[in-house]
Amino acid sequence: AVYYCAASSDPYYDNYHPPLYGMGYWGKGTL
């Protein structure tokens, strides 16, 4: 698959809601 690094859209907080768990920033991916 293409693997993506992601960071939460909100700092200082952990989001436990699937499927994206609050991630709002994404890299372009690596295959």
PDB file of all heavy atoms in Angstrom:
ATOM      1  N   ALA A   1       0.845  -1.189   0.000  1.00  0.00           N
ATOM      2  CA  ALA A   1       0.000   0.000   0.000  1.00  0.00           C
ATOM      3  C   ALA A   1       0.878   1.237   0.000  1.00  0.00           C
ATOM      4  O   ALA A   1       2.098   1.158   0.176  1.00  0.00           O
ATOM      5  CB  ALA A   1      -0.915   0.013   1.221  1.00  0.00           C
ATOM      6  N   VAL A   2       0.244   2.373  -0.184  1.00  0.00           N
ATOM      7  CA  VAL A   2       0.914   3.641   0.033  1.00  0.00           C
ATOM      8  C   VAL A   2       0.731   3.985   1.498  1.00  0.00           C
ATOM      9  O   VAL A   2      -0.395   4.009   1.991  1.00  0.00           O
ATOM     10  CB  VAL A   2       0.334   4.761  -0.855  1.00  0.00           C
ATOM     11  CG1 VAL A   2       0.975   6.103  -0.508  1.00  0.00           C
ATOM     12  CG2 VAL A   2       0.554   4.438  -2.328  1.00  0.00           C
ATOM     13  N   TYR A   3       1.814   4.240   2.170  1.00  0.00           N
ATOM     14  CA  TYR A   3       1.772   4.539   3.589  1.00  0.00           C
ATOM     15  C   TYR A   3       1.893   6.042   3.817  1.00  0.00           C
ATOM     16  O   TYR A   3       2.788   6.686   3.264  1.00  0.00           O
ATOM     17  CB  TYR A   3       2.893   3.800   4.321  1.00  0.00           C
ATOM     18  CG  TYR A   3       2.595   2.339   4.517  1.00  0.00           C
ATOM     19  CD1 TYR A   3       2.589   1.463   3.429  1.00  0.00           C
ATOM     20  CD2 TYR A   3       2.289   1.825   5.778  1.00  0.00           C
ATOM     21  CE1 TYR A   3       2.284   0.121   3.594  1.00  0.00           C
ATOM     22  CE2 TYR A   3       1.992   0.486   5.953  1.00  0.00           C
ATOM     23  CZ  TYR A   3       1.987  -0.361   4.858  1.00  0.00           C
ATOM     24  OH  TYR A   3       1.688  -1.691   5.028  1.00  0.00           O
ATOM     25  N   TYR A   4       0.998   6.555   4.633  1.00  0.00           N
ATOM     26  CA  TYR A   4       0.939   7.977   4.896  1.00  0.00           C
ATOM     27  C   TYR A   4       1.229   8.299   6.352  1.00  0.00           C
ATOM     28  O   TYR A   4       0.712   7.639   7.257  1.00  0.00           O
ATOM     29  CB  TYR A   4      -0.448   8.535   4.561  1.00  0.00           C
ATOM     30  CG  TYR A   4      -0.838   8.413   3.105  1.00  0.00           C
ATOM     31  CD1 TYR A   4      -1.525   7.299   2.647  1.00  0.00           C
ATOM     32  CD2 TYR A   4      -0.527   9.422   2.207  1.00  0.00           C
ATOM     33  CE1 TYR A   4      -1.891   7.188   1.316  1.00  0.00           C
ATOM     34  CE2 TYR A   4      -0.892   9.326   0.875  1.00  0.00           C
ATOM     35  CZ  TYR A   4      -1.577   8.206   0.436  1.00  0.00           C
ATOM     36  OH  TYR A   4      -1.942   8.103  -0.882  1.00  0.00           O
ATOM     37  N   CYS A   5       2.023   9.294   6.544  1.00  0.00           N
ATOM     38  CA  CYS A   5       2.245   9.853   7.861  1.00  0.00           C
ATOM     39  C   CYS A   5       1.178  10.909   8.099  1.00  0.00           C
ATOM     40  O   CYS A   5       0.812  11.654   7.185  1.00  0.00           O
ATOM     41  CB  CYS A   5       3.647  10.479   7.923  1.00  0.00           C
ATOM     42  SG  CYS A   5       4.038  11.322   9.469  1.00  0.00           S
ATOM     43  N   ALA A   6       0.667  10.975   9.308  1.00  0.00           N
ATOM     44  CA  ALA A   6      -0.395  11.926   9.610  1.00  0.00           C
ATOM     45  C   ALA A   6      -0.214  12.538  10.993  1.00  0.00           C
ATOM     46  O   ALA A   6       0.356  11.919  11.890  1.00  0.00           O
ATOM     47  CB  ALA A   6      -1.758  11.234   9.525  1.00  0.00           C
ATOM     48  N   ALA A   7      -0.718  13.743  11.129  1.00  0.00           N
ATOM     49  CA  ALA A   7      -0.693  14.449  12.399  1.00  0.00           C
ATOM     50  C   ALA A   7      -2.090  14.948  12.717  1.00  0.00           C
ATOM     51  O   ALA A   7      -2.854  15.306  11.820  1.00  0.00           O
ATOM     52  CB  ALA A   7       0.283  15.620  12.351  1.00  0.00           C
ATOM     53  N   SER A   8      -2.406  14.983  13.975  1.00  0.00           N
ATOM     54  CA  SER A   8      -3.712  15.442  14.415  1.00  0.00           C
ATOM     55  C   SER A   8      -3.952  16.890  14.011  1.00  0.00           C
ATOM     56  O   SER A   8      -3.034  17.705  13.996  1.00  0.00           O
ATOM     57  CB  SER A   8      -3.827  15.301  15.933  1.00  0.00           C
ATOM     58  OG  SER A   8      -5.050  15.818  16.406  1.00  0.00           O
ATOM     59  N   SER A   9      -5.189  17.201  13.680  1.00  0.00           N
ATOM     60  CA  SER A   9      -5.533  18.565  13.321  1.00  0.00           C
ATOM     61  C   SER A   9      -5.494  19.490  14.524  1.00  0.00           C
ATOM     62  O   SER A   9      -5.376  20.708  14.367  1.00  0.00           O
ATOM     63  CB  SER A   9      -6.923  18.613  12.676  1.00  0.00           C
ATOM     64  OG  SER A   9      -7.914  18.141  13.567  1.00  0.00           O
ATOM     65  N   ASP A  10      -5.597  18.922  15.709  1.00  0.00           N
ATOM     66  CA  ASP A  10      -5.599  19.699  16.943  1.00  0.00           C
ATOM     67  C   ASP A  10      -4.449  19.290  17.847  1.00  0.00           C
ATOM     68  O   ASP A  10      -4.285  18.109  18.156  1.00  0.00           O
ATOM     69  CB  ASP A  10      -6.909  19.522  17.698  1.00  0.00           C
ATOM     70  CG  ASP A  10      -8.117  19.970  16.903  1.00  0.00           C
ATOM     71  OD1 ASP A  10      -8.068  21.068  16.326  1.00  0.00           O
ATOM     72  OD2 ASP A  10      -9.114  19.221  16.859  1.00  0.00           O
ATOM     73  N   PRO A  11      -3.653  20.262  18.277  1.00  0.00           N
ATOM     74  CA  PRO A  11      -2.562  19.939  19.196  1.00  0.00           C
ATOM     75  C   PRO A  11      -3.067  19.738  20.612  1.00  0.00           C
ATOM     76  O   PRO A  11      -4.201  20.111  20.948  1.00  0.00           O
ATOM     77  CB  PRO A  11      -1.658  21.173  19.094  1.00  0.00           C
ATOM     78  CG  PRO A  11      -2.616  22.295  18.828  1.00  0.00           C
ATOM     79  CD  PRO A  11      -3.677  21.692  17.935  1.00  0.00           C
ATOM     80  N   TYR A  12      -2.244  19.133  21.420  1.00  0.00           N
ATOM     81  CA  TYR A  12      -2.529  18.928  22.838  1.00  0.00           C
ATOM     82  C   TYR A  12      -3.828  18.155  23.082  1.00  0.00           C
ATOM     83  O   TYR A  12      -4.520  18.374  24.082  1.00  0.00           O
ATOM     84  CB  TYR A  12      -2.592  20.260  23.575  1.00  0.00           C
ATOM     85  CG  TYR A  12      -1.350  21.103  23.421  1.00  0.00           C
ATOM     86  CD1 TYR A  12      -1.349  22.232  22.613  1.00  0.00           C
ATOM     87  CD2 TYR A  12      -0.173  20.750  24.079  1.00  0.00           C
ATOM     88  CE1 TYR A  12      -0.210  22.999  22.470  1.00  0.00           C
ATOM     89  CE2 TYR A  12       0.970  21.512  23.941  1.00  0.00           C
ATOM     90  CZ  TYR A  12       0.942  22.634  23.140  1.00  0.00           C
ATOM     91  OH  TYR A  12       2.081  23.396  23.001  1.00  0.00           O
ATOM     92  N   TYR A  13      -4.139  17.273  22.206  1.00  0.00           N
ATOM     93  CA  TYR A  13      -5.370  16.507  22.343  1.00  0.00           C
ATOM     94  C   TYR A  13      -5.274  15.199  21.585  1.00  0.00           C
ATOM     95  O   TYR A  13      -4.726  15.143  20.489  1.00  0.00           O
ATOM     96  CB  TYR A  13      -6.559  17.325  21.833  1.00  0.00           C
ATOM     97  CG  TYR A  13      -7.904  16.774  22.240  1.00  0.00           C
ATOM     98  CD1 TYR A  13      -8.413  17.010  23.518  1.00  0.00           C
ATOM     99  CD2 TYR A  13      -8.663  16.017  21.358  1.00  0.00           C
ATOM    100  CE1 TYR A  13      -9.647  16.508  23.898  1.00  0.00           C
ATOM    101  CE2 TYR A  13      -9.891  15.507  21.736  1.00  0.00           C
ATOM    102  CZ  TYR A  13     -10.382  15.755  23.004  1.00  0.00           C
ATOM    103  OH  TYR A  13     -11.607  15.254  23.376  1.00  0.00           O
ATOM    104  N   ASP A  14      -5.828  14.167  22.162  1.00  0.00           N
ATOM    105  CA  ASP A  14      -5.854  12.856  21.524  1.00  0.00           C
ATOM    106  C   ASP A  14      -7.286  12.511  21.147  1.00  0.00           C
ATOM    107  O   ASP A  14      -8.167  12.458  22.004  1.00  0.00           O
ATOM    108  CB  ASP A  14      -5.276  11.786  22.449  1.00  0.00           C
ATOM    109  CG  ASP A  14      -3.787  11.940  22.655  1.00  0.00           C
ATOM    110  OD1 ASP A  14      -3.069  12.110  21.652  1.00  0.00           O
ATOM    111  OD2 ASP A  14      -3.341  11.890  23.816  1.00  0.00           O
ATOM    112  N   ASN A  15      -7.495  12.264  19.877  1.00  0.00           N
ATOM    113  CA  ASN A  15      -8.796  11.921  19.343  1.00  0.00           C
ATOM    114  C   ASN A  15      -8.890  10.411  19.189  1.00  0.00           C
ATOM    115  O   ASN A  15      -8.051   9.799  18.524  1.00  0.00           O
ATOM    116  CB  ASN A  15      -9.012  12.618  17.990  1.00  0.00           C
ATOM    117  CG  ASN A  15     -10.440  12.537  17.517  1.00  0.00           C
ATOM    118  OD1 ASN A  15     -11.034  11.460  17.499  1.00  0.00           O
ATOM    119  ND2 ASN A  15     -10.996  13.677  17.126  1.00  0.00           N
ATOM    120  N   TYR A  16      -9.918   9.830  19.786  1.00  0.00           N
ATOM    121  CA  TYR A  16     -10.072   8.385  19.751  1.00  0.00           C
ATOM    122  C   TYR A  16     -11.185   7.917  18.823  1.00  0.00           C
ATOM    123  O   TYR A  16     -11.640   6.774  18.925  1.00  0.00           O
ATOM    124  CB  TYR A  16     -10.306   7.858  21.164  1.00  0.00           C
ATOM    125  CG  TYR A  16      -9.084   7.934  22.038  1.00  0.00           C
ATOM    126  CD1 TYR A  16      -8.809   9.080  22.780  1.00  0.00           C
ATOM    127  CD2 TYR A  16      -8.191   6.869  22.114  1.00  0.00           C
ATOM    128  CE1 TYR A  16      -7.678   9.161  23.576  1.00  0.00           C
ATOM    129  CE2 TYR A  16      -7.062   6.941  22.915  1.00  0.00           C
ATOM    130  CZ  TYR A  16      -6.806   8.083  23.640  1.00  0.00           C
ATOM    131  OH  TYR A  16      -5.680   8.160  24.432  1.00  0.00           O
ATOM    132  N   HIS A  17     -11.605   8.779  17.934  1.00  0.00           N
ATOM    133  CA  HIS A  17     -12.684   8.436  17.022  1.00  0.00           C
ATOM    134  C   HIS A  17     -12.151   7.885  15.696  1.00  0.00           C
ATOM    135  O   HIS A  17     -11.467   8.593  14.956  1.00  0.00           O
ATOM    136  CB  HIS A  17     -13.555   9.663  16.759  1.00  0.00           C
ATOM    137  CG  HIS A  17     -14.218  10.216  17.977  1.00  0.00           C
ATOM    138  ND1 HIS A  17     -15.084   9.475  18.754  1.00  0.00           N
ATOM    139  CD2 HIS A  17     -14.146  11.439  18.554  1.00  0.00           C
ATOM    140  CE1 HIS A  17     -15.513  10.211  19.765  1.00  0.00           C
ATOM    141  NE2 HIS A  17     -14.966  11.410  19.661  1.00  0.00           N
ATOM    142  N   PRO A  18     -12.462   6.641  15.412  1.00  0.00           N
ATOM    143  CA  PRO A  18     -12.058   6.073  14.125  1.00  0.00           C
ATOM    144  C   PRO A  18     -12.917   6.645  12.991  1.00  0.00           C
ATOM    145  O   PRO A  18     -13.990   7.214  13.261  1.00  0.00           O
ATOM    146  CB  PRO A  18     -12.324   4.572  14.315  1.00  0.00           C
ATOM    147  CG  PRO A  18     -13.435   4.522  15.316  1.00  0.00           C
ATOM    148  CD  PRO A  18     -13.180   5.681  16.247  1.00  0.00           C
ATOM    149  N   PRO A  19     -12.514   6.531  11.757  1.00  0.00           N
ATOM    150  CA  PRO A  19     -11.314   5.820  11.306  1.00  0.00           C
ATOM    151  C   PRO A  19     -10.059   6.672  11.229  1.00  0.00           C
ATOM    152  O   PRO A  19      -8.962   6.112  11.128  1.00  0.00           O
ATOM    153  CB  PRO A  19     -11.722   5.349   9.908  1.00  0.00           C
ATOM    154  CG  PRO A  19     -12.601   6.459   9.409  1.00  0.00           C
ATOM    155  CD  PRO A  19     -13.380   6.909  10.623  1.00  0.00           C
ATOM    156  N   LEU A  20     -10.185   7.989  11.255  1.00  0.00           N
ATOM    157  CA  LEU A  20      -9.028   8.847  11.058  1.00  0.00           C
ATOM    158  C   LEU A  20      -8.446   9.412  12.339  1.00  0.00           C
ATOM    159  O   LEU A  20      -7.387  10.038  12.314  1.00  0.00           O
ATOM    160  CB  LEU A  20      -9.368   9.996  10.102  1.00  0.00           C
ATOM    161  CG  LEU A  20      -9.852   9.578   8.717  1.00  0.00           C
ATOM    162  CD1 LEU A  20     -10.081  10.806   7.844  1.00  0.00           C
ATOM    163  CD2 LEU A  20      -8.857   8.641   8.051  1.00  0.00           C
ATOM    164  N   TYR A  21      -9.122   9.220  13.450  1.00  0.00           N
ATOM    165  CA  TYR A  21      -8.626   9.615  14.763  1.00  0.00           C
ATOM    166  C   TYR A  21      -8.179  11.069  14.829  1.00  0.00           C
ATOM    167  O   TYR A  21      -7.177  11.398  15.467  1.00  0.00           O
ATOM    168  CB  TYR A  21      -7.493   8.671  15.175  1.00  0.00           C
ATOM    169  CG  TYR A  21      -7.944   7.241  15.293  1.00  0.00           C
ATOM    170  CD1 TYR A  21      -7.880   6.382  14.196  1.00  0.00           C
ATOM    171  CD2 TYR A  21      -8.470   6.747  16.484  1.00  0.00           C
ATOM    172  CE1 TYR A  21      -8.335   5.065  14.297  1.00  0.00           C
ATOM    173  CE2 TYR A  21      -8.915   5.443  16.586  1.00  0.00           C
ATOM    174  CZ  TYR A  21      -8.849   4.610  15.489  1.00  0.00           C
ATOM    175  OH  TYR A  21      -9.294   3.306  15.583  1.00  0.00           O
ATOM    176  N   GLY A  22      -8.934  11.924  14.171  1.00  0.00           N
ATOM    177  CA  GLY A  22      -8.680  13.347  14.252  1.00  0.00           C
ATOM    178  C   GLY A  22      -7.490  13.854  13.469  1.00  0.00           C
ATOM    179  O   GLY A  22      -7.095  15.008  13.643  1.00  0.00           O
ATOM    180  N   MET A  23      -6.930  13.016  12.618  1.00  0.00           N
ATOM    181  CA  MET A  23      -5.777  13.440  11.826  1.00  0.00           C
ATOM    182  C   MET A  23      -6.201  14.446  10.758  1.00  0.00           C
ATOM    183  O   MET A  23      -7.173  14.217  10.035  1.00  0.00           O
ATOM    184  CB  MET A  23      -5.094  12.246  11.173  1.00  0.00           C
ATOM    185  CG  MET A  23      -4.654  11.172  12.160  1.00  0.00           C
ATOM    186  SD  MET A  23      -3.419  11.803  13.329  1.00  0.00           S
ATOM    187  CE  MET A  23      -3.345  10.438  14.501  1.00  0.00           C
ATOM    188  N   GLY A  24      -5.477  15.534  10.662  1.00  0.00           N
ATOM    189  CA  GLY A  24      -5.810  16.570   9.711  1.00  0.00           C
ATOM    190  C   GLY A  24      -4.682  16.974   8.791  1.00  0.00           C
ATOM    191  O   GLY A  24      -4.903  17.675   7.808  1.00  0.00           O
ATOM    192  N   TYR A  25      -3.476  16.550   9.099  1.00  0.00           N
ATOM    193  CA  TYR A  25      -2.317  16.845   8.269  1.00  0.00           C
ATOM    194  C   TYR A  25      -1.751  15.541   7.723  1.00  0.00           C
ATOM    195  O   TYR A  25      -1.576  14.573   8.472  1.00  0.00           O
ATOM    196  CB  TYR A  25      -1.241  17.575   9.068  1.00  0.00           C
ATOM    197  CG  TYR A  25      -1.694  18.906   9.610  1.00  0.00           C
ATOM    198  CD1 TYR A  25      -2.209  19.007  10.892  1.00  0.00           C
ATOM    199  CD2 TYR A  25      -1.607  20.064   8.841  1.00  0.00           C
ATOM    200  CE1 TYR A  25      -2.629  20.227  11.394  1.00  0.00           C
ATOM    201  CE2 TYR A  25      -2.029  21.281   9.333  1.00  0.00           C
ATOM    202  CZ  TYR A  25      -2.538  21.356  10.611  1.00  0.00           C
ATOM    203  OH  TYR A  25      -2.952  22.569  11.103  1.00  0.00           O
ATOM    204  N   TRP A  26      -1.457  15.541   6.427  1.00  0.00           N
ATOM    205  CA  TRP A  26      -1.030  14.315   5.774  1.00  0.00           C
ATOM    206  C   TRP A  26       0.182  14.528   4.881  1.00  0.00           C
ATOM    207  O   TRP A  26       0.313  15.561   4.227  1.00  0.00           O
ATOM    208  CB  TRP A  26      -2.165  13.747   4.912  1.00  0.00           C
ATOM    209  CG  TRP A  26      -3.407  13.464   5.688  1.00  0.00           C
ATOM    210  CD1 TRP A  26      -4.411  14.341   5.990  1.00  0.00           C
ATOM    211  CD2 TRP A  26      -3.775  12.217   6.282  1.00  0.00           C
ATOM    212  NE1 TRP A  26      -5.389  13.713   6.734  1.00  0.00           N
ATOM    213  CE2 TRP A  26      -5.026  12.413   6.930  1.00  0.00           C
ATOM    214  CE3 TRP A  26      -3.184  10.958   6.326  1.00  0.00           C
ATOM    215  CZ2 TRP A  26      -5.681  11.383   7.612  1.00  0.00           C
ATOM    216  CZ3 TRP A  26      -3.833   9.937   7.008  1.00  0.00           C
ATOM    217  CH2 TRP A  26      -5.068  10.161   7.632  1.00  0.00           C
ATOM    218  N   GLY A  27       1.054  13.539   4.871  1.00  0.00           N
ATOM    219  CA  GLY A  27       2.150  13.555   3.930  1.00  0.00           C
ATOM    220  C   GLY A  27       1.662  13.051   2.594  1.00  0.00           C
ATOM    221  O   GLY A  27       0.502  12.658   2.435  1.00  0.00           O
ATOM    222  N   LYS A  28       2.545  13.042   1.611  1.00  0.00           N
ATOM    223  CA  LYS A  28       2.174  12.586   0.279  1.00  0.00           C
ATOM    224  C   LYS A  28       2.250  11.078   0.122  1.00  0.00           C
ATOM    225  O   LYS A  28       1.770  10.530  -0.864  1.00  0.00           O
ATOM    226  CB  LYS A  28       3.062  13.265  -0.766  1.00  0.00           C
ATOM    227  CG  LYS A  28       2.834  14.762  -0.874  1.00  0.00           C
ATOM    228  CD  LYS A  28       3.676  15.372  -1.977  1.00  0.00           C
ATOM    229  CE  LYS A  28       3.403  16.859  -2.113  1.00  0.00           C
ATOM    230  NZ  LYS A  28       4.209  17.476  -3.193  1.00  0.00           N
ATOM    231  N   GLY A  29       2.834  10.411   1.072  1.00  0.00           N
ATOM    232  CA  GLY A  29       2.870   8.962   1.069  1.00  0.00           C
ATOM    233  C   GLY A  29       4.149   8.370   0.502  1.00  0.00           C
ATOM    234  O   GLY A  29       4.859   9.002  -0.270  1.00  0.00           O
ATOM    235  N   THR A  30       4.417   7.146   0.895  1.00  0.00           N
ATOM    236  CA  THR A  30       5.542   6.384   0.363  1.00  0.00           C
ATOM    237  C   THR A  30       5.053   4.968   0.076  1.00  0.00           C
ATOM    238  O   THR A  30       4.351   4.366   0.887  1.00  0.00           O
ATOM    239  CB  THR A  30       6.732   6.378   1.352  1.00  0.00           C
ATOM    240  OG1 THR A  30       7.843   5.697   0.763  1.00  0.00           O
ATOM    241  CG2 THR A  30       6.369   5.705   2.671  1.00  0.00           C
ATOM    242  N   LEU A  31       5.396   4.465  -1.080  1.00  0.00           N
ATOM    243  CA  LEU A  31       4.884   3.169  -1.521  1.00  0.00           C
ATOM    244  C   LEU A  31       5.688   2.013  -0.946  1.00  0.00           C
ATOM    245  O   LEU A  31       6.916   1.982  -1.031  1.00  0.00           O
ATOM    246  CB  LEU A  31       4.895   3.092  -3.047  1.00  0.00           C
ATOM    247  CG  LEU A  31       4.435   1.771  -3.676  1.00  0.00           C
ATOM    248  CD1 LEU A  31       2.971   1.502  -3.331  1.00  0.00           C
ATOM    249  CD2 LEU A  31       4.629   1.811  -5.186  1.00  0.00           C
TER     250      LEU A  31
END
